[in-house]
Amino acid sequence: MGGGESTINALKSDWNSLYIAGEWVNRGSRPAIEDHNPYTGKVITEVPSATAEDVDKAFKAAERVQR
């Protein structure tokens, strides 16, 4: 097993927030989304889920900085 998987597992517990418009936003009680290794089917990490409002904020922030 390579070092990449152990690095991902070490960071996994810190991955509970979304980075939107330069700020970390807690995902609250929304469930995480599991990311699976397509070969083994094993869960390799979890990522925070976002609401439609979170996506809108992120999109608008990205638009502002690209003007």
C-alpha atoms as a PDB file:
ATOM      1  CA  MET A   1       0.000   0.000   0.000  1.00  0.00           C
ATOM      2  CA  GLY A   2       1.356   3.391  -0.989  1.00  0.00           C
ATOM      3  CA  GLY A   3       1.828   6.431   1.188  1.00  0.00           C
ATOM      4  CA  GLY A   4      -0.951   8.298  -0.597  1.00  0.00           C
ATOM      5  CA  GLU A   5      -3.731   6.350   1.071  1.00  0.00           C
ATOM      6  CA  SER A   6      -2.245   6.834   4.547  1.00  0.00           C
ATOM      7  CA  THR A   7      -1.926  10.572   3.860  1.00  0.00           C
ATOM      8  CA  ILE A   8      -5.577  10.741   2.812  1.00  0.00           C
ATOM      9  CA  ASN A   9      -6.641   8.866   5.939  1.00  0.00           C
ATOM     10  CA  ALA A  10      -4.597  11.228   8.125  1.00  0.00           C
ATOM     11  CA  LEU A  11      -6.342  14.239   6.604  1.00  0.00           C
ATOM     12  CA  LYS A  12      -9.784  12.641   6.575  1.00  0.00           C
ATOM     13  CA  SER A  13     -10.752  13.788  10.052  1.00  0.00           C
ATOM     14  CA  ASP A  14      -9.978  17.429   9.147  1.00  0.00           C
ATOM     15  CA  TRP A  15     -12.153  17.434   6.039  1.00  0.00           C
ATOM     16  CA  ASN A  16     -15.451  18.579   7.553  1.00  0.00           C
ATOM     17  CA  SER A  17     -15.745  22.076   6.121  1.00  0.00           C
ATOM     18  CA  LEU A  18     -16.229  23.772   2.782  1.00  0.00           C
ATOM     19  CA  TYR A  19     -13.902  26.563   1.644  1.00  0.00           C
ATOM     20  CA  ILE A  20     -16.181  29.290   0.254  1.00  0.00           C
ATOM     21  CA  ALA A  21     -15.154  32.854  -0.564  1.00  0.00           C
ATOM     22  CA  GLY A  22     -11.964  32.635   1.483  1.00  0.00           C
ATOM     23  CA  GLU A  23     -13.613  31.209   4.592  1.00  0.00           C
ATOM     24  CA  TRP A  24     -14.067  27.731   6.027  1.00  0.00           C
ATOM     25  CA  VAL A  25     -17.771  26.954   6.400  1.00  0.00           C
ATOM     26  CA  ASN A  26     -18.786  24.050   8.612  1.00  0.00           C
ATOM     27  CA  ARG A  27     -21.004  21.562   6.798  1.00  0.00           C
ATOM     28  CA  GLY A  28     -23.142  21.227   9.906  1.00  0.00           C
ATOM     29  CA  SER A  29     -25.170  18.066  10.287  1.00  0.00           C
ATOM     30  CA  ARG A  30     -25.287  17.285   6.571  1.00  0.00           C
ATOM     31  CA  PRO A  31     -23.840  13.853   5.809  1.00  0.00           C
ATOM     32  CA  ALA A  32     -20.469  13.512   4.133  1.00  0.00           C
ATOM     33  CA  ILE A  33     -20.172  12.078   0.631  1.00  0.00           C
ATOM     34  CA  GLU A  34     -18.087   8.920   0.407  1.00  0.00           C
ATOM     35  CA  ASP A  35     -15.473   8.691  -2.351  1.00  0.00           C
ATOM     36  CA  HIS A  36     -14.762   5.113  -3.436  1.00  0.00           C
ATOM     37  CA  ASN A  37     -11.765   3.541  -5.095  1.00  0.00           C
ATOM     38  CA  PRO A  38     -13.248   2.422  -8.442  1.00  0.00           C
ATOM     39  CA  TYR A  39     -11.055  -0.684  -8.519  1.00  0.00           C
ATOM     40  CA  THR A  40     -11.587  -2.022  -5.015  1.00  0.00           C
ATOM     41  CA  GLY A  41     -14.869  -0.337  -4.125  1.00  0.00           C
ATOM     42  CA  LYS A  42     -13.394   0.643  -0.750  1.00  0.00           C
ATOM     43  CA  VAL A  43     -14.119   4.063   0.698  1.00  0.00           C
ATOM     44  CA  ILE A  44     -10.921   6.109   0.401  1.00  0.00           C
ATOM     45  CA  THR A  45     -12.174   9.382   1.845  1.00  0.00           C
ATOM     46  CA  GLU A  46     -15.244  11.450   2.628  1.00  0.00           C
ATOM     47  CA  VAL A  47     -15.901  14.974   1.435  1.00  0.00           C
ATOM     48  CA  PRO A  48     -18.332  17.491   2.907  1.00  0.00           C
ATOM     49  CA  SER A  49     -21.662  17.886   1.167  1.00  0.00           C
ATOM     50  CA  ALA A  50     -22.907  21.305   0.111  1.00  0.00           C
ATOM     51  CA  THR A  51     -26.355  22.823  -0.105  1.00  0.00           C
ATOM     52  CA  ALA A  52     -27.617  24.734  -3.118  1.00  0.00           C
ATOM     53  CA  GLU A  53     -26.997  27.909  -1.089  1.00  0.00           C
ATOM     54  CA  ASP A  54     -23.351  26.883  -0.509  1.00  0.00           C
ATOM     55  CA  VAL A  55     -22.893  26.308  -4.245  1.00  0.00           C
ATOM     56  CA  ASP A  56     -24.460  29.682  -5.084  1.00  0.00           C
ATOM     57  CA  LYS A  57     -22.135  31.465  -2.623  1.00  0.00           C
ATOM     58  CA  ALA A  58     -19.085  29.700  -4.054  1.00  0.00           C
ATOM     59  CA  PHE A  59     -20.136  30.431  -7.644  1.00  0.00           C
ATOM     60  CA  LYS A  60     -20.777  34.129  -6.936  1.00  0.00           C
ATOM     61  CA  ALA A  61     -17.442  34.434  -5.112  1.00  0.00           C
ATOM     62  CA  ALA A  62     -15.646  32.859  -8.076  1.00  0.00           C
ATOM     63  CA  GLU A  63     -17.422  35.221 -10.479  1.00  0.00           C
ATOM     64  CA  ARG A  64     -16.366  38.256  -8.415  1.00  0.00           C
ATOM     65  CA  VAL A  65     -12.682  37.359  -8.412  1.00  0.00           C
ATOM     66  CA  GLN A  66     -12.614  36.697 -12.162  1.00  0.00           C
ATOM     67  CA  ARG A  67     -13.923  40.130 -13.154  1.00  0.00           C
END
